[in-house]
Amino acid sequence: MPIKVLVVDDSALIRQLLSEIINNEADMLLVGAAPDAFVAKKMVQEFKPNVITLDIEMPKVDGLRFLEVMMKACPTPVVMVSTLTEKGADATLRSLELGAVDFVPKPKLGVAQGMEEYRSVITEKIRMAAHSTLSVPTQSRASQHAAMRYTGSEKVIGMGASTGGTEAIKDVLMHFPKNAPATVITQHMPPGFTTTYARRLNILCEIEVSEAKGGERLLPGHAYLAPGDKHLVVERSGADYRIALSDAPRESGHKPSVDVLFNSLAANAGANAVGVLLTGMGRDGANGLLQMKQQGATTFCQDEKSCVVFGMPKVAIELNAASYVTPLASLADAILDTLESIGVGTRL
């Protein structure tokens, strides 16, 4: 059966462009193109689309309000169409909190160059959304680790994610106590969005969260997020670990790449590291997680049921790169239990 797609956008030009892209895909069926939330609501009820592309900025009722109401009344995978601005980044992250699966930037109309790449990106995300598992918004819950007994600076947690990862990472970090080990994170996200995302996490979490600038010494109680256009690498500096940012080419199809982060932890932290691979499309991070495990690190993969997209963890599990496969709801405590009890975990 073809993937039934509904396009919701107040721009006639964008509706036309997205409609043409969808109509040219053999496995997709455009069921409608709505100019506003009111028309979209009727089309959702009538056509029951498998995937909706949704503009954030619309008149009358904006995309966020429509998304919030729809996810309660008729949960449907949604790919947001967002402007690549600070305001757009904040709204996009809010849409992911409300249950949207992923987002794409608005196409640059009249720019022929790059349109084929845009066509490839948005159709891939529609297909991914059609087979995704809708996430449940993060519920506030107390971690059993009000404060860790462990306070050393020699341990480091590496975390990687892609589609669905903004909420999964938030879920884990929100349950880390103030003196949790230093955490380094790579999330597939464009430049600018990582700045806004780090700021939002910092407000929500007990630990300090910031976008990495390069040169920082890793400190307990801090998390460092790779910028959207640089690889994050952890280097050894005497008894300390420091962050370096790399402008090297894409690795595993991505920049920043989880494999680059995990490979640096395998080489420079070994058994003092914990690797965590969360929801995401593709295989980035799987080989790096295997390298970490082979160097003595304890490694975790998010389980299939709690993943929005069981891609990256699935490949890692197939490679035997995971020491543990754990549901998202218990992942933070599982990581901290491992660090508190025996430092680097029990091997499988």
Protein backbone atom coordinates (compact mmCIF):
# COMPACT_ATOMS: atom_id res chain seq x y z
CA MET A 1 0.00 0.00 0.00
CA PRO A 2 1.33 3.47 -0.83
CA ILE A 3 2.10 5.92 1.98
CA LYS A 4 -0.82 8.37 2.18
CA VAL A 5 0.61 11.88 2.66
CA LEU A 6 -1.16 15.11 3.60
CA VAL A 7 0.66 18.41 2.98
CA VAL A 8 -0.28 21.33 5.26
CA ASP A 9 1.23 24.71 4.35
CA ASP A 10 -0.17 28.22 3.88
CA SER A 11 2.14 28.89 0.90
CA ALA A 12 0.62 27.83 -2.42
CA LEU A 13 4.12 27.53 -3.91
CA ILE A 14 5.32 25.21 -1.14
CA ARG A 15 2.14 23.13 -1.39
CA GLN A 16 2.70 22.78 -5.13
CA LEU A 17 6.37 21.85 -4.74
CA LEU A 18 5.76 19.25 -2.02
CA SER A 19 2.78 17.85 -3.93
CA GLU A 20 4.93 17.38 -7.06
CA ILE A 21 7.68 15.67 -5.04
CA ILE A 22 5.22 13.27 -3.40
CA ASN A 23 3.33 12.55 -6.63
CA ASN A 24 6.58 11.53 -8.32
CA GLU A 25 7.26 8.79 -5.74
CA ALA A 26 5.85 5.38 -6.68
CA ASP A 27 5.31 4.37 -3.05
CA MET A 28 3.50 7.58 -2.01
CA LEU A 29 0.00 8.93 -2.54
CA LEU A 30 -0.86 12.59 -2.01
CA VAL A 31 -4.30 12.66 -0.37
CA GLY A 32 -4.53 16.42 -0.01
CA ALA A 33 -2.79 19.78 0.32
CA ALA A 34 -4.33 22.01 2.99
CA PRO A 35 -3.68 25.78 3.28
CA ASP A 36 -4.58 26.02 6.98
CA ALA A 37 -5.35 24.03 10.11
CA PHE A 38 -9.12 24.06 9.60
CA VAL A 39 -8.94 22.44 6.18
CA ALA A 40 -6.21 20.09 7.46
CA LYS A 41 -8.43 18.90 10.32
CA LYS A 42 -11.18 17.89 7.87
CA MET A 43 -8.67 16.14 5.59
CA VAL A 44 -7.16 14.20 8.50
CA GLN A 45 -10.61 12.96 9.45
CA GLU A 46 -11.58 12.14 5.85
CA PHE A 47 -8.37 10.62 4.43
CA LYS A 48 -6.60 9.31 7.56
CA PRO A 49 -3.09 9.99 6.17
CA ASN A 50 -0.12 7.86 7.17
CA VAL A 51 2.17 10.92 7.31
CA ILE A 52 1.59 14.69 7.48
CA THR A 53 4.08 17.37 6.45
CA LEU A 54 3.23 20.41 8.56
CA ASP A 55 4.30 24.03 8.30
CA ILE A 56 5.03 25.60 11.68
CA GLU A 57 4.17 29.18 10.74
CA MET A 58 0.55 29.38 9.55
CA PRO A 59 -2.17 32.03 9.99
CA LYS A 60 -5.23 31.59 12.23
CA VAL A 61 -3.99 28.45 14.02
CA ASP A 62 -0.23 27.85 13.89
CA GLY A 63 1.35 24.47 13.26
CA LEU A 64 2.26 23.87 16.90
CA ARG A 65 -1.29 24.33 18.14
CA PHE A 66 -2.65 22.12 15.35
CA LEU A 67 -0.04 19.46 16.15
CA GLU A 68 -0.85 19.52 19.87
CA VAL A 69 -4.58 19.05 19.28
CA MET A 70 -4.15 16.44 16.54
CA MET A 71 -1.73 14.26 18.52
CA LYS A 72 -4.35 13.95 21.26
CA ALA A 73 -7.32 13.37 18.93
CA CYS A 74 -5.73 11.42 16.08
CA PRO A 75 -2.03 10.59 16.60
CA THR A 76 -0.28 10.62 13.20
CA PRO A 77 3.41 10.71 12.23
CA VAL A 78 4.33 14.31 11.37
CA VAL A 79 7.36 15.77 9.59
CA MET A 80 7.60 19.49 10.37
CA VAL A 81 8.65 21.99 7.70
CA SER A 82 10.73 24.59 9.50
CA THR A 83 12.68 27.78 8.87
CA LEU A 84 16.36 27.52 9.77
CA THR A 85 16.31 30.47 12.18
CA GLU A 86 16.64 30.74 15.95
CA LYS A 87 12.88 31.31 16.23
CA GLY A 88 12.29 28.40 13.86
CA ALA A 89 14.66 26.18 15.86
CA ASP A 90 12.83 26.87 19.10
CA ALA A 91 9.44 26.12 17.52
CA THR A 92 10.81 22.97 15.86
CA LEU A 93 12.15 21.61 19.15
CA ARG A 94 8.78 22.32 20.73
CA SER A 95 7.11 20.36 17.90
CA LEU A 96 9.34 17.37 18.66
CA GLU A 97 8.30 17.60 22.31
CA LEU A 98 4.66 17.53 21.15
CA GLY A 99 5.23 14.32 19.18
CA ALA A 100 6.47 15.25 15.68
CA VAL A 101 8.81 12.58 14.33
CA ASP A 102 11.29 14.78 12.48
CA PHE A 103 11.70 18.03 10.57
CA VAL A 104 13.03 19.39 7.29
CA PRO A 105 13.92 22.97 6.39
CA LYS A 106 11.68 24.94 4.07
CA PRO A 107 12.90 24.59 0.48
CA LYS A 108 14.55 27.59 -1.14
CA LEU A 109 12.16 28.38 -3.96
CA GLY A 110 13.75 29.21 -7.29
CA VAL A 111 17.05 27.56 -6.35
CA ALA A 112 17.37 24.65 -8.77
CA GLN A 113 20.71 23.58 -7.34
CA GLY A 114 20.13 21.42 -4.32
CA MET A 115 16.47 20.73 -5.12
CA GLU A 116 17.22 17.13 -6.01
CA GLU A 117 18.97 16.68 -2.68
CA TYR A 118 15.96 18.27 -0.93
CA ARG A 119 13.66 15.86 -2.77
CA SER A 120 15.77 12.95 -1.54
CA VAL A 121 15.82 14.20 2.07
CA ILE A 122 12.11 14.87 2.43
CA THR A 123 10.99 11.62 0.76
CA GLU A 124 13.40 9.64 2.97
CA LYS A 125 11.97 11.33 6.06
CA ILE A 126 8.39 10.67 4.95
CA ARG A 127 9.20 6.97 4.49
CA MET A 128 10.93 6.87 7.85
CA ALA A 129 7.99 8.61 9.54
CA ALA A 130 5.54 6.12 8.02
CA HIS A 131 7.35 3.29 9.80
CA SER A 132 8.17 5.13 13.02
CA THR A 133 6.84 4.59 16.52
CA LEU A 134 5.19 7.69 17.94
CA SER A 135 6.93 8.78 21.11
CA VAL A 136 5.21 9.57 24.39
CA PRO A 137 6.16 13.03 25.73
CA THR A 138 8.73 12.85 28.53
CA GLN A 139 7.10 12.51 31.92
CA SER A 140 8.80 14.03 34.92
CA ARG A 141 9.93 11.24 37.20
CA ALA A 142 12.44 11.19 40.01
CA SER A 143 15.65 9.31 39.44
CA GLN A 144 16.67 6.98 42.25
CA HIS A 145 20.01 8.78 42.12
CA ALA A 146 19.26 12.00 43.99
CA ALA A 147 23.02 12.33 44.21
CA MET A 148 25.60 9.85 43.05
CA ARG A 149 28.07 8.42 45.51
CA TYR A 150 30.52 8.49 42.62
CA THR A 151 32.12 11.93 42.16
CA GLY A 152 35.31 11.21 40.27
CA SER A 153 36.31 12.92 37.04
CA GLU A 154 37.85 9.91 35.30
CA LYS A 155 34.59 8.51 33.91
CA VAL A 156 32.89 9.89 30.80
CA ILE A 157 29.55 9.09 29.13
CA GLY A 158 29.23 9.29 25.34
CA MET A 159 25.75 9.52 23.85
CA GLY A 160 24.59 9.50 20.22
CA ALA A 161 21.21 9.77 18.49
CA SER A 162 19.39 10.83 15.34
CA THR A 163 15.65 10.77 14.57
CA GLY A 164 13.69 10.90 17.82
CA GLY A 165 16.88 11.64 19.72
CA THR A 166 16.10 15.13 20.95
CA GLU A 167 13.44 13.77 23.29
CA ALA A 168 15.36 10.58 24.16
CA ILE A 169 18.47 12.55 25.15
CA LYS A 170 16.32 14.95 27.17
CA ASP A 171 14.72 12.01 28.97
CA VAL A 172 18.10 10.61 30.00
CA LEU A 173 19.74 13.90 30.98
CA MET A 174 16.74 15.10 33.00
CA HIS A 175 17.36 12.20 35.37
CA PHE A 176 21.09 12.72 35.87
CA PRO A 177 22.03 14.21 39.28
CA LYS A 178 24.19 17.33 39.56
CA ASN A 179 27.41 15.36 40.03
CA ALA A 180 26.88 12.85 37.21
CA PRO A 181 29.97 12.07 35.12
CA ALA A 182 30.85 14.36 32.22
CA THR A 183 28.67 13.57 29.20
CA VAL A 184 29.45 14.23 25.54
CA ILE A 185 26.64 14.10 22.98
CA THR A 186 26.27 13.93 19.22
CA GLN A 187 22.74 14.46 17.89
CA HIS A 188 22.15 14.80 14.14
CA MET A 189 20.92 18.38 13.84
CA PRO A 190 21.67 21.45 11.67
CA PRO A 191 23.87 24.36 12.84
CA GLY A 192 21.99 26.81 15.04
CA PHE A 193 19.51 24.17 16.16
CA THR A 194 22.13 22.65 18.45
CA THR A 195 22.64 26.03 20.16
CA THR A 196 18.92 26.32 20.88
CA TYR A 197 18.64 22.66 21.89
CA ALA A 198 21.53 22.92 24.38
CA ARG A 199 19.95 26.02 25.90
CA ARG A 200 16.60 24.23 26.33
CA LEU A 201 18.28 21.20 27.93
CA ASN A 202 20.21 23.43 30.31
CA ILE A 203 16.95 24.91 31.61
CA LEU A 204 15.38 21.48 32.14
CA CYS A 205 18.31 19.53 33.63
CA GLU A 206 20.15 19.57 36.94
CA ILE A 207 23.46 19.19 35.14
CA GLU A 208 24.91 22.06 33.10
CA VAL A 209 24.34 21.56 29.36
CA SER A 210 26.14 23.60 26.71
CA GLU A 211 27.05 23.49 23.05
CA ALA A 212 30.71 22.51 22.77
CA LYS A 213 33.10 25.29 21.74
CA GLY A 214 36.30 23.23 21.68
CA GLY A 215 39.07 23.10 24.25
CA GLU A 216 36.81 22.45 27.26
CA ARG A 217 38.03 20.17 30.01
CA LEU A 218 35.36 17.53 30.70
CA LEU A 219 33.88 18.12 34.14
CA PRO A 220 31.40 16.12 36.23
CA GLY A 221 27.95 17.64 36.25
CA HIS A 222 28.34 18.95 32.71
CA ALA A 223 27.11 17.78 29.30
CA TYR A 224 28.56 19.00 26.02
CA LEU A 225 26.63 18.90 22.73
CA ALA A 226 28.36 18.70 19.34
CA PRO A 227 27.63 21.78 17.19
CA GLY A 228 25.52 21.09 14.10
CA ASP A 229 28.43 21.46 11.67
CA LYS A 230 31.41 20.01 13.57
CA HIS A 231 32.50 16.58 14.79
CA LEU A 232 33.05 16.35 18.55
CA VAL A 233 36.21 14.46 19.53
CA VAL A 234 37.35 13.59 23.06
CA GLU A 235 41.12 13.78 23.55
CA ARG A 236 43.32 12.79 26.50
CA SER A 237 45.28 15.60 28.15
CA GLY A 238 47.35 14.19 30.99
CA ALA A 239 44.87 13.03 33.62
CA ASP A 240 42.05 14.99 31.97
CA TYR A 241 39.81 14.68 28.93
CA ARG A 242 39.29 17.64 26.63
CA ILE A 243 37.00 18.40 23.72
CA ALA A 244 38.27 19.08 20.22
CA LEU A 245 36.01 20.10 17.35
CA SER A 246 36.84 18.75 13.91
CA ASP A 247 35.87 20.10 10.50
CA ALA A 248 36.74 16.77 8.83
CA PRO A 249 34.41 15.40 6.13
CA ARG A 250 31.18 13.58 6.96
CA GLU A 251 31.57 10.21 8.61
CA SER A 252 28.88 7.53 8.18
CA GLY A 253 27.00 10.14 6.17
CA HIS A 254 26.86 12.69 8.98
CA LYS A 255 28.55 15.74 10.46
CA PRO A 256 28.55 15.67 13.42
CA SER A 257 28.96 11.90 13.46
CA VAL A 258 28.33 9.57 16.40
CA ASP A 259 31.00 7.19 15.07
CA VAL A 260 33.62 9.96 15.29
CA LEU A 261 32.68 10.64 18.92
CA PHE A 262 32.57 6.97 19.92
CA ASN A 263 35.85 6.14 18.13
CA SER A 264 37.59 8.94 20.04
CA LEU A 265 36.23 7.60 23.34
CA ALA A 266 37.35 4.07 22.44
CA ALA A 267 40.87 5.31 21.69
CA ASN A 268 41.28 7.78 24.55
CA ALA A 269 38.99 6.68 27.41
CA GLY A 270 38.66 2.91 26.93
CA ALA A 271 37.16 1.20 29.97
CA ASN A 272 36.59 4.57 31.68
CA ALA A 273 33.83 5.35 29.17
CA VAL A 274 30.18 4.39 28.86
CA GLY A 275 28.62 4.43 25.39
CA VAL A 276 24.91 5.04 24.81
CA LEU A 277 23.29 4.69 21.36
CA LEU A 278 19.73 5.95 21.09
CA THR A 279 16.95 6.06 18.49
CA GLY A 280 17.84 7.05 14.93
CA MET A 281 17.73 6.17 11.27
CA GLY A 282 20.72 4.54 9.59
CA ARG A 283 23.83 3.05 11.22
CA ASP A 284 25.90 5.96 12.50
CA GLY A 285 27.41 5.07 15.87
CA ALA A 286 27.08 1.29 15.54
CA ASN A 287 30.71 0.65 14.56
CA GLY A 288 31.96 3.23 17.06
CA LEU A 289 29.99 1.57 19.85
CA LEU A 290 31.58 -1.75 18.93
CA GLN A 291 35.01 -0.13 19.14
CA MET A 292 34.15 1.19 22.60
CA LYS A 293 33.00 -2.23 23.81
CA GLN A 294 36.14 -3.89 22.44
CA GLN A 295 38.24 -1.38 24.41
CA GLY A 296 36.47 -2.30 27.67
CA ALA A 297 33.68 0.30 27.80
CA THR A 298 30.19 -0.61 28.95
CA THR A 299 27.73 0.05 26.14
CA PHE A 300 23.97 0.59 26.08
CA CYS A 301 21.47 0.52 23.22
CA GLN A 302 17.91 1.80 23.48
CA ASP A 303 15.44 -1.04 22.96
CA GLU A 304 13.20 -1.33 19.90
CA LYS A 305 9.90 -0.67 21.63
CA SER A 306 10.93 2.72 23.00
CA CYS A 307 12.73 3.90 19.82
CA VAL A 308 11.02 6.27 17.40
CA VAL A 309 13.21 4.69 14.70
CA PHE A 310 15.02 1.44 15.53
CA GLY A 311 17.84 1.91 13.04
CA MET A 312 21.15 2.80 14.66
CA PRO A 313 20.62 0.68 17.81
CA LYS A 314 19.43 -2.27 15.71
CA VAL A 315 22.64 -2.29 13.67
CA ALA A 316 24.74 -1.99 16.83
CA ILE A 317 22.91 -4.89 18.49
CA GLU A 318 23.41 -7.01 15.37
CA LEU A 319 27.15 -6.24 15.57
CA ASN A 320 27.16 -7.40 19.21
CA ALA A 321 28.20 -3.88 20.21
CA ALA A 322 25.73 -3.58 23.11
CA SER A 323 26.53 -4.71 26.64
CA TYR A 324 22.90 -3.95 27.53
CA VAL A 325 19.69 -3.28 25.61
CA THR A 326 17.49 -1.09 27.77
CA PRO A 327 14.11 0.70 27.55
CA LEU A 328 14.36 4.48 27.52
CA ALA A 329 12.36 4.84 30.74
CA SER A 330 15.01 2.99 32.77
CA LEU A 331 18.12 3.97 30.80
CA ALA A 332 19.35 6.84 32.99
CA ASP A 333 19.22 4.73 36.14
CA ALA A 334 20.83 1.77 34.36
CA ILE A 335 23.76 3.94 33.26
CA LEU A 336 24.22 5.43 36.73
CA ASP A 337 23.85 2.05 38.46
CA THR A 338 26.67 0.73 36.30
CA LEU A 339 28.93 3.65 37.16
CA GLU A 340 28.16 3.51 40.89
CA SER A 341 28.47 -0.22 41.41
CA ILE A 342 31.46 -1.53 39.53
CA GLY A 343 32.69 1.36 37.48
CA VAL A 344 32.59 -0.15 34.03
CA GLY A 345 29.77 -2.67 34.22
CA THR A 346 29.36 -6.39 33.91
CA ARG A 347 30.13 -7.84 30.50
CA LEU A 348 27.50 -9.78 28.58
